[in-house]
């Protein structure tokens, strides 16, 4: 199955963050991981889904 790559704006919208937040996270070596091709930054949908899944909070278990 081919990997789906989307741009920075689309990725930010997909996970509900601003483009500036995505840029800041990238500069600070924080997830989500990204693909760099020349000057272009792309994100794989499966990496964005994993990023969101890692930040799910179960309110019944929250401290």
C-alpha atoms as a PDB file:
ATOM      1  CA  UNK A   1       0.000   0.000   0.000  1.00  0.00           C
ATOM      2  CA  UNK A   2       1.495   3.397  -0.925  1.00  0.00           C
ATOM      3  CA  UNK A   3       2.197   5.828   1.871  1.00  0.00           C
ATOM      4  CA  UNK A   4       0.047   8.947   1.905  1.00  0.00           C
ATOM      5  CA  UNK A   5       2.050  12.125   2.469  1.00  0.00           C
ATOM      6  CA  UNK A   6       0.390  15.438   3.246  1.00  0.00           C
ATOM      7  CA  UNK A   7       1.756  18.949   3.624  1.00  0.00           C
ATOM      8  CA  UNK A   8       2.260  20.972   6.764  1.00  0.00           C
ATOM      9  CA  UNK A   9      -1.036  22.898   6.600  1.00  0.00           C
ATOM     10  CA  UNK A  10      -3.042  19.760   5.973  1.00  0.00           C
ATOM     11  CA  UNK A  11      -1.229  17.902   8.760  1.00  0.00           C
ATOM     12  CA  UNK A  12      -1.844  20.716  11.238  1.00  0.00           C
ATOM     13  CA  UNK A  13      -5.526  20.776  10.361  1.00  0.00           C
ATOM     14  CA  UNK A  14      -5.746  16.959  10.496  1.00  0.00           C
ATOM     15  CA  UNK A  15      -4.553  16.797  14.115  1.00  0.00           C
ATOM     16  CA  UNK A  16      -5.969  20.118  15.302  1.00  0.00           C
ATOM     17  CA  UNK A  17      -2.754  22.082  15.843  1.00  0.00           C
ATOM     18  CA  UNK A  18      -1.616  25.333  14.298  1.00  0.00           C
ATOM     19  CA  UNK A  19       1.079  25.410  11.636  1.00  0.00           C
ATOM     20  CA  UNK A  20       3.253  27.433  14.040  1.00  0.00           C
ATOM     21  CA  UNK A  21       2.897  24.735  16.696  1.00  0.00           C
ATOM     22  CA  UNK A  22       3.848  22.069  14.161  1.00  0.00           C
ATOM     23  CA  UNK A  23       6.918  24.105  13.190  1.00  0.00           C
ATOM     24  CA  UNK A  24       7.917  24.667  16.819  1.00  0.00           C
ATOM     25  CA  UNK A  25       7.569  20.966  17.630  1.00  0.00           C
ATOM     26  CA  UNK A  26       9.679  20.079  14.602  1.00  0.00           C
ATOM     27  CA  UNK A  27      12.418  22.554  15.549  1.00  0.00           C
ATOM     28  CA  UNK A  28      12.464  21.130  19.097  1.00  0.00           C
ATOM     29  CA  UNK A  29      12.688  17.533  17.823  1.00  0.00           C
ATOM     30  CA  UNK A  30       9.251  16.621  19.186  1.00  0.00           C
ATOM     31  CA  UNK A  31       6.676  14.353  17.562  1.00  0.00           C
ATOM     32  CA  UNK A  32       4.960  13.943  15.236  1.00  0.00           C
ATOM     33  CA  UNK A  33       7.710  12.620  13.005  1.00  0.00           C
ATOM     34  CA  UNK A  34       7.979  14.065   9.517  1.00  0.00           C
ATOM     35  CA  UNK A  35       9.510  13.410   6.119  1.00  0.00           C
ATOM     36  CA  UNK A  36      11.925  15.986   4.718  1.00  0.00           C
ATOM     37  CA  UNK A  37      12.318  16.045   0.930  1.00  0.00           C
ATOM     38  CA  UNK A  38      14.543  18.914  -0.107  1.00  0.00           C
ATOM     39  CA  UNK A  39      12.940  21.967   1.463  1.00  0.00           C
ATOM     40  CA  UNK A  40       9.526  20.324   1.664  1.00  0.00           C
ATOM     41  CA  UNK A  41       8.145  18.904   4.878  1.00  0.00           C
ATOM     42  CA  UNK A  42       5.577  16.144   4.621  1.00  0.00           C
ATOM     43  CA  UNK A  43       3.743  13.997   7.145  1.00  0.00           C
ATOM     44  CA  UNK A  44       2.537  10.406   6.816  1.00  0.00           C
ATOM     45  CA  UNK A  45      -1.073   9.890   7.854  1.00  0.00           C
ATOM     46  CA  UNK A  46      -0.180   6.828   9.923  1.00  0.00           C
ATOM     47  CA  UNK A  47       2.367   8.889  11.904  1.00  0.00           C
ATOM     48  CA  UNK A  48      -0.229  11.585  12.588  1.00  0.00           C
ATOM     49  CA  UNK A  49      -2.750   8.951  13.685  1.00  0.00           C
ATOM     50  CA  UNK A  50      -0.134   7.438  16.024  1.00  0.00           C
ATOM     51  CA  UNK A  51       0.630  10.893  17.445  1.00  0.00           C
ATOM     52  CA  UNK A  52      -3.042  11.503  18.223  1.00  0.00           C
ATOM     53  CA  UNK A  53      -3.472   7.996  19.680  1.00  0.00           C
ATOM     54  CA  UNK A  54      -0.514   8.581  22.003  1.00  0.00           C
ATOM     55  CA  UNK A  55      -2.242  11.655  23.442  1.00  0.00           C
ATOM     56  CA  UNK A  56      -5.632  10.122  24.206  1.00  0.00           C
ATOM     57  CA  UNK A  57      -6.608  10.589  27.845  1.00  0.00           C
ATOM     58  CA  UNK A  58      -9.109   8.323  29.567  1.00  0.00           C
ATOM     59  CA  UNK A  59     -10.899  10.646  32.020  1.00  0.00           C
ATOM     60  CA  UNK A  60     -11.689   7.762  34.360  1.00  0.00           C
ATOM     61  CA  UNK A  61      -7.955   7.101  34.751  1.00  0.00           C
ATOM     62  CA  UNK A  62      -6.668  10.688  34.774  1.00  0.00           C
ATOM     63  CA  UNK A  63      -4.998  11.825  37.971  1.00  0.00           C
END
